[in-house]
PDB file of N, CA and C in Angstrom:
ATOM      1  N   MET A   1      18.643 -47.386 -74.872  1.00  0.00           N
ATOM      2  CA  MET A   1      17.233 -46.966 -74.929  1.00  0.00           C
ATOM      3  C   MET A   1      16.561 -47.281 -73.584  1.00  0.00           C
ATOM      4  N   LYS A   2      16.801 -48.522 -73.024  1.00  0.00           N
ATOM      5  CA  LYS A   2      16.211 -48.921 -71.781  1.00  0.00           C
ATOM      6  C   LYS A   2      16.695 -48.029 -70.615  1.00  0.00           C
ATOM      7  N   THR A   3      17.949 -47.647 -70.717  1.00  0.00           N
ATOM      8  CA  THR A   3      18.482 -46.796 -69.657  1.00  0.00           C
ATOM      9  C   THR A   3      17.849 -45.456 -69.685  1.00  0.00           C
ATOM     10  N   LEU A   4      17.599 -44.941 -70.901  1.00  0.00           N
ATOM     11  CA  LEU A   4      16.891 -43.682 -71.003  1.00  0.00           C
ATOM     12  C   LEU A   4      15.466 -43.692 -70.501  1.00  0.00           C
ATOM     13  N   LYS A   5      14.790 -44.815 -70.792  1.00  0.00           N
ATOM     14  CA  LYS A   5      13.411 -44.952 -70.296  1.00  0.00           C
ATOM     15  C   LYS A   5      13.444 -45.053 -68.697  1.00  0.00           C
ATOM     16  N   PHE A   6      14.382 -45.772 -68.220  1.00  0.00           N
ATOM     17  CA  PHE A   6      14.507 -45.931 -66.767  1.00  0.00           C
ATOM     18  C   PHE A   6      14.820 -44.573 -66.081  1.00  0.00           C
ATOM     19  N   ILE A   7      15.631 -43.722 -66.702  1.00  0.00           N
ATOM     20  CA  ILE A   7      15.955 -42.420 -66.151  1.00  0.00           C
ATOM     21  C   ILE A   7      14.676 -41.512 -66.162  1.00  0.00           C
ATOM     22  N   PHE A   8      13.971 -41.569 -67.260  1.00  0.00           N
ATOM     23  CA  PHE A   8      12.697 -40.749 -67.294  1.00  0.00           C
ATOM     24  C   PHE A   8      11.696 -41.239 -66.302  1.00  0.00           C
ATOM     25  N   ALA A   9      11.558 -42.582 -66.162  1.00  0.00           N
ATOM     26  CA  ALA A   9      10.628 -43.071 -65.194  1.00  0.00           C
ATOM     27  C   ALA A   9      11.016 -42.673 -63.743  1.00  0.00           C
ATOM     28  N   ALA A  10      12.306 -42.766 -63.465  1.00  0.00           N
ATOM     29  CA  ALA A  10      12.786 -42.390 -62.132  1.00  0.00           C
ATOM     30  C   ALA A  10      12.577 -40.886 -61.893  1.00  0.00           C
ATOM     31  N   ALA A  11      12.848 -40.089 -62.892  1.00  0.00           N
ATOM     32  CA  ALA A  11      12.667 -38.628 -62.768  1.00  0.00           C
ATOM     33  C   ALA A  11      11.167 -38.322 -62.583  1.00  0.00           C
ATOM     34  N   ALA A  12      10.312 -38.932 -63.329  1.00  0.00           N
ATOM     35  CA  ALA A  12       8.855 -38.745 -63.163  1.00  0.00           C
ATOM     36  C   ALA A  12       8.398 -39.180 -61.751  1.00  0.00           C
ATOM     37  N   LEU A  13       8.847 -40.292 -61.271  1.00  0.00           N
ATOM     38  CA  LEU A  13       8.515 -40.723 -59.928  1.00  0.00           C
ATOM     39  C   LEU A  13       8.987 -39.785 -58.872  1.00  0.00           C
ATOM     40  N   THR A  14      10.182 -39.283 -59.039  1.00  0.00           N
ATOM     41  CA  THR A  14      10.728 -38.305 -58.054  1.00  0.00           C
ATOM     42  C   THR A  14       9.913 -37.045 -58.056  1.00  0.00           C
ATOM     43  N   MET A  15       9.550 -36.567 -59.214  1.00  0.00           N
ATOM     44  CA  MET A  15       8.714 -35.352 -59.266  1.00  0.00           C
ATOM     45  C   MET A  15       7.347 -35.547 -58.672  1.00  0.00           C
ATOM     46  N   LEU A  16       6.752 -36.709 -58.977  1.00  0.00           N
ATOM     47  CA  LEU A  16       5.476 -37.044 -58.406  1.00  0.00           C
ATOM     48  C   LEU A  16       5.494 -37.043 -56.918  1.00  0.00           C
ATOM     49  N   LEU A  17       6.521 -37.696 -56.315  1.00  0.00           N
ATOM     50  CA  LEU A  17       6.667 -37.763 -54.858  1.00  0.00           C
ATOM     51  C   LEU A  17       6.883 -36.388 -54.265  1.00  0.00           C
ATOM     52  N   SER A  18       7.617 -35.518 -54.979  1.00  0.00           N
ATOM     53  CA  SER A  18       7.919 -34.242 -54.410  1.00  0.00           C
ATOM     54  C   SER A  18       6.725 -33.277 -54.420  1.00  0.00           C
ATOM     55  N   PHE A  19       5.722 -33.590 -55.247  1.00  0.00           N
ATOM     56  CA  PHE A  19       4.521 -32.731 -55.351  1.00  0.00           C
ATOM     57  C   PHE A  19       3.388 -33.226 -54.411  1.00  0.00           C
ATOM     58  N   THR A  20       3.592 -34.365 -53.749  1.00  0.00           N
ATOM     59  CA  THR A  20       2.530 -34.811 -52.861  1.00  0.00           C
ATOM     60  C   THR A  20       2.482 -33.951 -51.590  1.00  0.00           C
ATOM     61  N   ALA A  21       1.277 -33.790 -51.035  1.00  0.00           N
ATOM     62  CA  ALA A  21       1.115 -33.007 -49.814  1.00  0.00           C
ATOM     63  C   ALA A  21       1.805 -33.653 -48.671  1.00  0.00           C
ATOM     64  N   PRO A  22       2.303 -32.835 -47.737  1.00  0.00           N
ATOM     65  CA  PRO A  22       2.899 -33.402 -46.536  1.00  0.00           C
ATOM     66  C   PRO A  22       1.823 -34.037 -45.705  1.00  0.00           C
ATOM     67  N   LEU A  23       2.201 -35.035 -44.847  1.00  0.00           N
ATOM     68  CA  LEU A  23       1.249 -35.758 -44.098  1.00  0.00           C
ATOM     69  C   LEU A  23       0.404 -34.855 -43.138  1.00  0.00           C
ATOM     70  N   SER A  24       1.073 -33.826 -42.593  1.00  0.00           N
ATOM     71  CA  SER A  24       0.317 -32.975 -41.678  1.00  0.00           C
ATOM     72  C   SER A  24      -0.830 -32.273 -42.456  1.00  0.00           C
ATOM     73  N   LYS A  25      -0.651 -31.907 -43.678  1.00  0.00           N
ATOM     74  CA  LYS A  25      -1.749 -31.330 -44.509  1.00  0.00           C
ATOM     75  C   LYS A  25      -2.749 -32.291 -44.840  1.00  0.00           C
ATOM     76  N   LYS A  26      -2.377 -33.513 -45.282  1.00  0.00           N
ATOM     77  CA  LYS A  26      -3.319 -34.534 -45.680  1.00  0.00           C
ATOM     78  C   LYS A  26      -4.190 -34.905 -44.431  1.00  0.00           C
ATOM     79  N   MET A  27      -3.536 -35.112 -43.326  1.00  0.00           N
ATOM     80  CA  MET A  27      -4.268 -35.490 -42.094  1.00  0.00           C
ATOM     81  C   MET A  27      -5.228 -34.332 -41.691  1.00  0.00           C
ATOM     82  N   GLY A  28      -4.710 -33.076 -41.689  1.00  0.00           N
ATOM     83  CA  GLY A  28      -5.573 -31.903 -41.391  1.00  0.00           C
ATOM     84  C   GLY A  28      -6.754 -31.781 -42.294  1.00  0.00           C
ATOM     85  N   ASN A  29      -6.571 -32.040 -43.566  1.00  0.00           N
ATOM     86  CA  ASN A  29      -7.691 -31.983 -44.475  1.00  0.00           C
ATOM     87  C   ASN A  29      -8.690 -33.030 -44.259  1.00  0.00           C
ATOM     88  N   HIS A  30      -8.207 -34.219 -43.910  1.00  0.00           N
ATOM     89  CA  HIS A  30      -9.107 -35.413 -43.574  1.00  0.00           C
ATOM     90  C   HIS A  30      -9.966 -35.080 -42.347  1.00  0.00           C
ATOM     91  N   VAL A  31      -9.356 -34.575 -41.350  1.00  0.00           N
ATOM     92  CA  VAL A  31     -10.052 -34.244 -40.104  1.00  0.00           C
ATOM     93  C   VAL A  31     -11.055 -33.114 -40.289  1.00  0.00           C
ATOM     94  N   ALA A  32     -10.715 -32.146 -41.136  1.00  0.00           N
ATOM     95  CA  ALA A  32     -11.626 -31.058 -41.462  1.00  0.00           C
ATOM     96  C   ALA A  32     -12.827 -31.591 -42.246  1.00  0.00           C
ATOM     97  N   LYS A  33     -12.642 -32.542 -43.120  1.00  0.00           N
ATOM     98  CA  LYS A  33     -13.723 -33.193 -43.843  1.00  0.00           C
ATOM     99  C   LYS A  33     -14.650 -33.910 -42.854  1.00  0.00           C
ATOM    100  N   VAL A  34     -14.003 -34.667 -41.967  1.00  0.00           N
ATOM    101  CA  VAL A  34     -14.786 -35.419 -41.007  1.00  0.00           C
ATOM    102  C   VAL A  34     -15.646 -34.475 -40.176  1.00  0.00           C
ATOM    103  N   GLU A  35     -15.067 -33.363 -39.682  1.00  0.00           N
ATOM    104  CA  GLU A  35     -15.780 -32.434 -38.912  1.00  0.00           C
ATOM    105  C   GLU A  35     -16.998 -31.843 -39.695  1.00  0.00           C
ATOM    106  N   ARG A  36     -16.786 -31.516 -40.964  1.00  0.00           N
ATOM    107  CA  ARG A  36     -17.866 -30.943 -41.792  1.00  0.00           C
ATOM    108  C   ARG A  36     -18.952 -31.877 -42.039  1.00  0.00           C
ATOM    109  N   GLU A  37     -18.671 -33.163 -42.273  1.00  0.00           N
ATOM    110  CA  GLU A  37     -19.635 -34.115 -42.841  1.00  0.00           C
ATOM    111  C   GLU A  37     -20.162 -35.197 -41.906  1.00  0.00           C
ATOM    112  N   CYS A  38     -19.508 -35.395 -40.769  1.00  0.00           N
ATOM    113  CA  CYS A  38     -19.815 -36.548 -39.979  1.00  0.00           C
ATOM    114  C   CYS A  38     -21.221 -36.644 -39.280  1.00  0.00           C
ATOM    115  N   ALA A  39     -21.918 -35.529 -39.237  1.00  0.00           N
ATOM    116  CA  ALA A  39     -23.250 -35.553 -38.654  1.00  0.00           C
ATOM    117  C   ALA A  39     -24.175 -36.510 -39.409  1.00  0.00           C
ATOM    118  N   GLU A  40     -23.916 -36.664 -40.648  1.00  0.00           N
ATOM    119  CA  GLU A  40     -24.849 -37.458 -41.487  1.00  0.00           C
ATOM    120  C   GLU A  40     -24.302 -38.883 -41.766  1.00  0.00           C
ATOM    121  N   TRP A  41     -23.129 -39.190 -41.196  1.00  0.00           N
ATOM    122  CA  TRP A  41     -22.457 -40.464 -41.543  1.00  0.00           C
ATOM    123  C   TRP A  41     -23.133 -41.694 -40.993  1.00  0.00           C
ATOM    124  N   THR A  42     -22.965 -42.797 -41.797  1.00  0.00           N
ATOM    125  CA  THR A  42     -23.395 -44.125 -41.375  1.00  0.00           C
ATOM    126  C   THR A  42     -22.147 -44.832 -40.704  1.00  0.00           C
ATOM    127  N   LYS A  43     -22.387 -46.013 -40.209  1.00  0.00           N
ATOM    128  CA  LYS A  43     -21.295 -46.843 -39.676  1.00  0.00           C
ATOM    129  C   LYS A  43     -20.247 -47.075 -40.769  1.00  0.00           C
ATOM    130  N   SER A  44     -20.674 -47.338 -41.976  1.00  0.00           N
ATOM    131  CA  SER A  44     -19.790 -47.609 -43.107  1.00  0.00           C
ATOM    132  C   SER A  44     -18.898 -46.381 -43.410  1.00  0.00           C
ATOM    133  N   ASP A  45     -19.476 -45.190 -43.323  1.00  0.00           N
ATOM    134  CA  ASP A  45     -18.731 -43.980 -43.514  1.00  0.00           C
ATOM    135  C   ASP A  45     -17.666 -43.829 -42.452  1.00  0.00           C
ATOM    136  N   TRP A  46     -18.017 -44.059 -41.197  1.00  0.00           N
ATOM    137  CA  TRP A  46     -17.040 -44.021 -40.108  1.00  0.00           C
ATOM    138  C   TRP A  46     -15.944 -45.056 -40.332  1.00  0.00           C
ATOM    139  N   ASP A  47     -16.251 -46.215 -40.698  1.00  0.00           N
ATOM    140  CA  ASP A  47     -15.284 -47.290 -40.968  1.00  0.00           C
ATOM    141  C   ASP A  47     -14.262 -46.873 -42.038  1.00  0.00           C
ATOM    142  N   LYS A  48     -14.776 -46.278 -43.089  1.00  0.00           N
ATOM    143  CA  LYS A  48     -13.856 -45.801 -44.220  1.00  0.00           C
ATOM    144  C   LYS A  48     -12.935 -44.647 -43.659  1.00  0.00           C
ATOM    145  N   SER A  49     -13.528 -43.796 -42.900  1.00  0.00           N
ATOM    146  CA  SER A  49     -12.750 -42.669 -42.339  1.00  0.00           C
ATOM    147  C   SER A  49     -11.670 -43.163 -41.409  1.00  0.00           C
ATOM    148  N   ARG A  50     -12.043 -44.148 -40.553  1.00  0.00           N
ATOM    149  CA  ARG A  50     -11.016 -44.708 -39.642  1.00  0.00           C
ATOM    150  C   ARG A  50      -9.946 -45.435 -40.421  1.00  0.00           C
ATOM    151  N   GLU A  51     -10.268 -46.117 -41.500  1.00  0.00           N
ATOM    152  CA  GLU A  51      -9.285 -46.818 -42.273  1.00  0.00           C
ATOM    153  C   GLU A  51      -8.283 -45.808 -42.874  1.00  0.00           C
ATOM    154  N   THR A  52      -8.770 -44.681 -43.404  1.00  0.00           N
ATOM    155  CA  THR A  52      -7.875 -43.676 -43.932  1.00  0.00           C
ATOM    156  C   THR A  52      -7.044 -43.012 -42.871  1.00  0.00           C
ATOM    157  N   PHE A  53      -7.691 -42.753 -41.735  1.00  0.00           N
ATOM    158  CA  PHE A  53      -6.981 -42.125 -40.658  1.00  0.00           C
ATOM    159  C   PHE A  53      -5.880 -43.050 -40.115  1.00  0.00           C
ATOM    160  N   ASN A  54      -6.196 -44.315 -39.980  1.00  0.00           N
ATOM    161  CA  ASN A  54      -5.171 -45.277 -39.482  1.00  0.00           C
ATOM    162  C   ASN A  54      -4.020 -45.426 -40.496  1.00  0.00           C
ATOM    163  N   SER A  55      -4.261 -45.260 -41.777  1.00  0.00           N
ATOM    164  CA  SER A  55      -3.124 -45.322 -42.765  1.00  0.00           C
ATOM    165  C   SER A  55      -2.249 -44.114 -42.558  1.00  0.00           C
ATOM    166  N   TYR A  56      -2.818 -43.005 -42.197  1.00  0.00           N
ATOM    167  CA  TYR A  56      -1.972 -41.797 -41.905  1.00  0.00           C
ATOM    168  C   TYR A  56      -1.168 -41.991 -40.647  1.00  0.00           C
ATOM    169  N   ILE A  57      -1.817 -42.648 -39.658  1.00  0.00           N
ATOM    170  CA  ILE A  57      -1.044 -42.932 -38.371  1.00  0.00           C
ATOM    171  C   ILE A  57       0.099 -43.866 -38.671  1.00  0.00           C
ATOM    172  N   ASP A  58      -0.147 -44.888 -39.490  1.00  0.00           N
ATOM    173  CA  ASP A  58       0.932 -45.800 -39.823  1.00  0.00           C
ATOM    174  C   ASP A  58       2.087 -45.120 -40.545  1.00  0.00           C
ATOM    175  N   GLU A  59       1.706 -44.227 -41.462  1.00  0.00           N
ATOM    176  CA  GLU A  59       2.754 -43.448 -42.179  1.00  0.00           C
ATOM    177  C   GLU A  59       3.530 -42.550 -41.248  1.00  0.00           C
ATOM    178  N   PHE A  60       2.887 -41.975 -40.273  1.00  0.00           N
ATOM    179  CA  PHE A  60       3.505 -41.076 -39.290  1.00  0.00           C
ATOM    180  C   PHE A  60       4.428 -41.934 -38.434  1.00  0.00           C
ATOM    181  N   GLU A  61       4.066 -43.055 -37.985  1.00  0.00           N
ATOM    182  CA  GLU A  61       4.908 -43.889 -37.115  1.00  0.00           C
ATOM    183  C   GLU A  61       6.134 -44.376 -37.923  1.00  0.00           C
ATOM    184  N   LYS A  62       5.961 -44.725 -39.182  1.00  0.00           N
ATOM    185  CA  LYS A  62       7.067 -45.247 -39.959  1.00  0.00           C
ATOM    186  C   LYS A  62       8.143 -44.172 -40.274  1.00  0.00           C
ATOM    187  N   ASN A  63       7.644 -42.956 -40.414  1.00  0.00           N
ATOM    188  CA  ASN A  63       8.572 -41.885 -40.775  1.00  0.00           C
ATOM    189  C   ASN A  63       8.728 -40.819 -39.713  1.00  0.00           C
ATOM    190  N   TYR A  64       8.489 -41.174 -38.471  1.00  0.00           N
ATOM    191  CA  TYR A  64       8.430 -40.254 -37.345  1.00  0.00           C
ATOM    192  C   TYR A  64       9.674 -39.386 -37.272  1.00  0.00           C
ATOM    193  N   ALA A  65      10.799 -39.978 -37.468  1.00  0.00           N
ATOM    194  CA  ALA A  65      12.118 -39.230 -37.290  1.00  0.00           C
ATOM    195  C   ALA A  65      12.343 -38.154 -38.371  1.00  0.00           C
ATOM    196  N   THR A  66      11.564 -38.271 -39.466  1.00  0.00           N
ATOM    197  CA  THR A  66      11.807 -37.329 -40.569  1.00  0.00           C
ATOM    198  C   THR A  66      10.978 -36.057 -40.463  1.00  0.00           C
ATOM    199  N   TYR A  67      10.045 -36.040 -39.522  1.00  0.00           N
ATOM    200  CA  TYR A  67       9.222 -34.852 -39.408  1.00  0.00           C
ATOM    201  C   TYR A  67       9.860 -33.784 -38.486  1.00  0.00           C
ATOM    202  N   SER A  68       9.555 -32.555 -38.857  1.00  0.00           N
ATOM    203  CA  SER A  68      10.038 -31.423 -37.998  1.00  0.00           C
ATOM    204  C   SER A  68       9.129 -31.356 -36.752  1.00  0.00           C
ATOM    205  N   SER A  69       9.538 -30.611 -35.806  1.00  0.00           N
ATOM    206  CA  SER A  69       8.796 -30.431 -34.580  1.00  0.00           C
ATOM    207  C   SER A  69       7.441 -29.766 -34.933  1.00  0.00           C
ATOM    208  N   GLU A  70       7.370 -28.818 -35.825  1.00  0.00           N
ATOM    209  CA  GLU A  70       6.132 -28.182 -36.232  1.00  0.00           C
ATOM    210  C   GLU A  70       5.178 -29.181 -36.879  1.00  0.00           C
ATOM    211  N   GLU A  71       5.760 -30.060 -37.753  1.00  0.00           N
ATOM    212  CA  GLU A  71       4.887 -31.041 -38.416  1.00  0.00           C
ATOM    213  C   GLU A  71       4.299 -32.009 -37.428  1.00  0.00           C
ATOM    214  N   LYS A  72       5.140 -32.456 -36.441  1.00  0.00           N
ATOM    215  CA  LYS A  72       4.692 -33.344 -35.417  1.00  0.00           C
ATOM    216  C   LYS A  72       3.568 -32.687 -34.628  1.00  0.00           C
ATOM    217  N   ASP A  73       3.684 -31.450 -34.248  1.00  0.00           N
ATOM    218  CA  ASP A  73       2.657 -30.708 -33.514  1.00  0.00           C
ATOM    219  C   ASP A  73       1.407 -30.683 -34.299  1.00  0.00           C
ATOM    220  N   ALA A  74       1.457 -30.373 -35.590  1.00  0.00           N
ATOM    221  CA  ALA A  74       0.283 -30.302 -36.421  1.00  0.00           C
ATOM    222  C   ALA A  74      -0.419 -31.691 -36.556  1.00  0.00           C
ATOM    223  N   ILE A  75       0.423 -32.714 -36.675  1.00  0.00           N
ATOM    224  CA  ILE A  75      -0.157 -34.074 -36.790  1.00  0.00           C
ATOM    225  C   ILE A  75      -0.781 -34.490 -35.470  1.00  0.00           C
ATOM    226  N   TYR A  76      -0.120 -34.201 -34.319  1.00  0.00           N
ATOM    227  CA  TYR A  76      -0.729 -34.549 -33.044  1.00  0.00           C
ATOM    228  C   TYR A  76      -2.034 -33.768 -32.815  1.00  0.00           C
ATOM    229  N   LYS A  77      -2.104 -32.511 -33.275  1.00  0.00           N
ATOM    230  CA  LYS A  77      -3.278 -31.751 -33.152  1.00  0.00           C
ATOM    231  C   LYS A  77      -4.407 -32.414 -33.952  1.00  0.00           C
ATOM    232  N   SER A  78      -4.125 -32.840 -35.159  1.00  0.00           N
ATOM    233  CA  SER A  78      -5.117 -33.580 -35.974  1.00  0.00           C
ATOM    234  C   SER A  78      -5.583 -34.875 -35.311  1.00  0.00           C
ATOM    235  N   ILE A  79      -4.601 -35.557 -34.744  1.00  0.00           N
ATOM    236  CA  ILE A  79      -4.960 -36.832 -34.098  1.00  0.00           C
ATOM    237  C   ILE A  79      -5.920 -36.545 -32.922  1.00  0.00           C
ATOM    238  N   GLY A  80      -5.596 -35.564 -32.097  1.00  0.00           N
ATOM    239  CA  GLY A  80      -6.461 -35.190 -31.025  1.00  0.00           C
ATOM    240  C   GLY A  80      -7.843 -34.839 -31.423  1.00  0.00           C
ATOM    241  N   LYS A  81      -7.941 -34.015 -32.457  1.00  0.00           N
ATOM    242  CA  LYS A  81      -9.245 -33.552 -32.960  1.00  0.00           C
ATOM    243  C   LYS A  81     -10.047 -34.680 -33.494  1.00  0.00           C
ATOM    244  N   TYR A  82      -9.367 -35.588 -34.249  1.00  0.00           N
ATOM    245  CA  TYR A  82     -10.092 -36.761 -34.799  1.00  0.00           C
ATOM    246  C   TYR A  82     -10.660 -37.652 -33.683  1.00  0.00           C
ATOM    247  N   LYS A  83      -9.787 -37.904 -32.702  1.00  0.00           N
ATOM    248  CA  LYS A  83     -10.214 -38.736 -31.572  1.00  0.00           C
ATOM    249  C   LYS A  83     -11.401 -38.103 -30.884  1.00  0.00           C
ATOM    250  N   ALA A  84     -11.413 -36.777 -30.691  1.00  0.00           N
ATOM    251  CA  ALA A  84     -12.464 -36.035 -30.061  1.00  0.00           C
ATOM    252  C   ALA A  84     -13.801 -36.204 -30.891  1.00  0.00           C
ATOM    253  N   LEU A  85     -13.694 -36.046 -32.185  1.00  0.00           N
ATOM    254  CA  LEU A  85     -14.849 -36.179 -33.068  1.00  0.00           C
ATOM    255  C   LEU A  85     -15.428 -37.609 -32.951  1.00  0.00           C
ATOM    256  N   LEU A  86     -14.579 -38.626 -32.914  1.00  0.00           N
ATOM    257  CA  LEU A  86     -14.963 -39.982 -32.834  1.00  0.00           C
ATOM    258  C   LEU A  86     -15.714 -40.217 -31.506  1.00  0.00           C
ATOM    259  N   LEU A  87     -15.105 -39.675 -30.447  1.00  0.00           N
ATOM    260  CA  LEU A  87     -15.722 -39.832 -29.079  1.00  0.00           C
ATOM    261  C   LEU A  87     -17.090 -39.120 -29.020  1.00  0.00           C
ATOM    262  N   LYS A  88     -17.180 -37.983 -29.631  1.00  0.00           N
ATOM    263  CA  LYS A  88     -18.428 -37.219 -29.701  1.00  0.00           C
ATOM    264  C   LYS A  88     -19.462 -38.043 -30.396  1.00  0.00           C
ATOM    265  N   HIS A  89     -19.134 -38.643 -31.461  1.00  0.00           N
ATOM    266  CA  HIS A  89     -20.037 -39.529 -32.246  1.00  0.00           C
ATOM    267  C   HIS A  89     -20.514 -40.688 -31.406  1.00  0.00           C
ATOM    268  N   LYS A  90     -19.578 -41.313 -30.658  1.00  0.00           N
ATOM    269  CA  LYS A  90     -19.966 -42.438 -29.836  1.00  0.00           C
ATOM    270  C   LYS A  90     -20.842 -41.999 -28.704  1.00  0.00           C
ATOM    271  N   ILE A  91     -20.631 -40.835 -28.082  1.00  0.00           N
ATOM    272  CA  ILE A  91     -21.421 -40.389 -27.004  1.00  0.00           C
ATOM    273  C   ILE A  91     -22.869 -40.099 -27.499  1.00  0.00           C
ATOM    274  N   ASN A  92     -22.943 -39.491 -28.668  1.00  0.00           N
ATOM    275  CA  ASN A  92     -24.219 -39.171 -29.249  1.00  0.00           C
ATOM    276  C   ASN A  92     -25.025 -40.463 -29.552  1.00  0.00           C
ATOM    277  N   LYS A  93     -24.333 -41.415 -30.012  1.00  0.00           N
ATOM    278  CA  LYS A  93     -24.923 -42.713 -30.337  1.00  0.00           C
ATOM    279  C   LYS A  93     -25.448 -43.381 -29.059  1.00  0.00           C
ATOM    280  N   ALA A  94     -24.606 -43.351 -28.020  1.00  0.00           N
ATOM    281  CA  ALA A  94     -25.015 -43.940 -26.758  1.00  0.00           C
ATOM    282  C   ALA A  94     -26.120 -43.157 -26.093  1.00  0.00           C
ATOM    283  N   GLU A  95     -26.126 -41.832 -26.236  1.00  0.00           N
ATOM    284  CA  GLU A  95     -27.201 -41.045 -25.744  1.00  0.00           C
ATOM    285  C   GLU A  95     -28.529 -41.362 -26.358  1.00  0.00           C
ATOM    286  N   GLY A  96     -28.524 -41.611 -27.638  1.00  0.00           N
ATOM    287  CA  GLY A  96     -29.752 -42.017 -28.339  1.00  0.00           C
ATOM    288  C   GLY A  96     -30.237 -43.369 -27.856  1.00  0.00           C
ATOM    289  N   ALA A  97     -29.323 -44.299 -27.614  1.00  0.00           N
ATOM    290  CA  ALA A  97     -29.749 -45.609 -27.148  1.00  0.00           C
ATOM    291  C   ALA A  97     -30.314 -45.526 -25.732  1.00  0.00           C
ATOM    292  N   LEU A  98     -29.625 -44.690 -24.898  1.00  0.00           N
ATOM    293  CA  LEU A  98     -30.174 -44.533 -23.553  1.00  0.00           C
ATOM    294  C   LEU A  98     -31.560 -43.859 -23.514  1.00  0.00           C
ATOM    295  N   LYS A  99     -31.742 -42.903 -24.369  1.00  0.00           N
ATOM    296  CA  LYS A  99     -33.003 -42.257 -24.456  1.00  0.00           C
ATOM    297  C   LYS A  99     -34.081 -43.204 -24.870  1.00  0.00           C
ATOM    298  N   GLU A 100     -33.846 -44.005 -25.829  1.00  0.00           N
ATOM    299  CA  GLU A 100     -34.750 -44.978 -26.322  1.00  0.00           C
ATOM    300  C   GLU A 100     -35.124 -46.005 -25.187  1.00  0.00           C
ATOM    301  N   PHE A 101     -34.076 -46.467 -24.507  1.00  0.00           N
ATOM    302  CA  PHE A 101     -34.283 -47.349 -23.363  1.00  0.00           C
ATOM    303  C   PHE A 101     -35.040 -46.679 -22.271  1.00  0.00           C
ATOM    304  N   GLY A 102     -34.842 -45.379 -21.983  1.00  0.00           N
ATOM    305  CA  GLY A 102     -35.584 -44.650 -21.013  1.00  0.00           C
ATOM    306  C   GLY A 102     -37.068 -44.590 -21.342  1.00  0.00           C
ATOM    307  N   GLU A 103     -37.337 -44.461 -22.613  1.00  0.00           N
ATOM    308  CA  GLU A 103     -38.717 -44.405 -23.078  1.00  0.00           C
ATOM    309  C   GLU A 103     -39.429 -45.766 -22.909  1.00  0.00           C
ATOM    310  N   ARG A 104     -38.696 -46.825 -22.895  1.00  0.00           N
ATOM    311  CA  ARG A 104     -39.243 -48.145 -22.744  1.00  0.00           C
ATOM    312  C   ARG A 104     -39.369 -48.673 -21.324  1.00  0.00           C
ATOM    313  N   VAL A 105     -38.712 -47.997 -20.370  1.00  0.00           N
ATOM    314  CA  VAL A 105     -38.758 -48.378 -18.989  1.00  0.00           C
ATOM    315  C   VAL A 105     -40.164 -48.517 -18.430  1.00  0.00           C
ATOM    316  N   PRO A 106     -41.046 -47.570 -18.668  1.00  0.00           N
ATOM    317  CA  PRO A 106     -42.374 -47.683 -18.036  1.00  0.00           C
ATOM    318  C   PRO A 106     -43.082 -49.009 -18.522  1.00  0.00           C
ATOM    319  N   SER A 107     -42.904 -49.329 -19.816  1.00  0.00           N
ATOM    320  CA  SER A 107     -43.559 -50.519 -20.308  1.00  0.00           C
ATOM    321  C   SER A 107     -42.900 -51.772 -19.728  1.00  0.00           C
ATOM    322  N   LEU A 108     -41.581 -51.740 -19.498  1.00  0.00           N
ATOM    323  CA  LEU A 108     -40.872 -52.903 -18.919  1.00  0.00           C
ATOM    324  C   LEU A 108     -41.347 -53.094 -17.455  1.00  0.00           C
ATOM    325  N   VAL A 109     -41.473 -51.997 -16.710  1.00  0.00           N
ATOM    326  CA  VAL A 109     -41.862 -52.124 -15.288  1.00  0.00           C
ATOM    327  C   VAL A 109     -43.341 -52.589 -15.224  1.00  0.00           C
ATOM    328  N   GLU A 110     -44.145 -52.041 -16.148  1.00  0.00           N
ATOM    329  CA  GLU A 110     -45.603 -52.456 -16.138  1.00  0.00           C
ATOM    330  C   GLU A 110     -45.656 -53.965 -16.456  1.00  0.00           C
ATOM    331  N   GLY A 111     -44.889 -54.449 -17.395  1.00  0.00           N
ATOM    332  CA  GLY A 111     -44.920 -55.874 -17.736  1.00  0.00           C
ATOM    333  C   GLY A 111     -44.425 -56.681 -16.583  1.00  0.00           C
ATOM    334  N   PHE A 112     -43.331 -56.239 -15.946  1.00  0.00           N
ATOM    335  CA  PHE A 112     -42.744 -56.947 -14.818  1.00  0.00           C
ATOM    336  C   PHE A 112     -43.778 -57.062 -13.658  1.00  0.00           C
ATOM    337  N   MET A 113     -44.417 -55.970 -13.352  1.00  0.00           N
ATOM    338  CA  MET A 113     -45.380 -55.874 -12.223  1.00  0.00           C
ATOM    339  C   MET A 113     -46.664 -56.726 -12.560  1.00  0.00           C
ATOM    340  N   SER A 114     -47.019 -56.838 -13.796  1.00  0.00           N
ATOM    341  CA  SER A 114     -48.210 -57.621 -14.134  1.00  0.00           C
ATOM    342  C   SER A 114     -48.050 -59.110 -13.835  1.00  0.00           C
ATOM    343  N   ALA A 115     -46.828 -59.533 -13.821  1.00  0.00           N
ATOM    344  CA  ALA A 115     -46.585 -60.955 -13.480  1.00  0.00           C
ATOM    345  C   ALA A 115     -46.907 -61.275 -11.983  1.00  0.00           C
ATOM    346  N   PHE A 116     -46.954 -60.257 -11.178  1.00  0.00           N
ATOM    347  CA  PHE A 116     -47.201 -60.496  -9.749  1.00  0.00           C
ATOM    348  C   PHE A 116     -48.665 -60.219  -9.416  1.00  0.00           C
ATOM    349  N   GLU A 117     -49.512 -59.840 -10.291  1.00  0.00           N
ATOM    350  CA  GLU A 117     -50.874 -59.559 -10.028  1.00  0.00           C
ATOM    351  C   GLU A 117     -51.741 -60.809  -9.927  1.00  0.00           C
TER     352      GLU A 117
END
């Protein structure tokens, strides 16, 4: 009886694993979601996204030899796009900080100059 349960469990696990999406598709879907939704994201949202993305990278590195050339190309394309979206987010964030600083410069200069009057 135990052997029969073990065989059914192994068969169920095998079927479950065979129906999971390939990494290239999972990564592509994740990057597409990031692209659609990231304009409204908080730091916490970005942290969660990076955590998921890094888990995909880990999976890719562990199983690198098992992927076809086409799968590798699709994964690298997703990696490139994600990195570009992350860079774009950081540039926009820095741009906002620079703009705010630029708006404060006249007050800073005025305060600095008032010390010499």
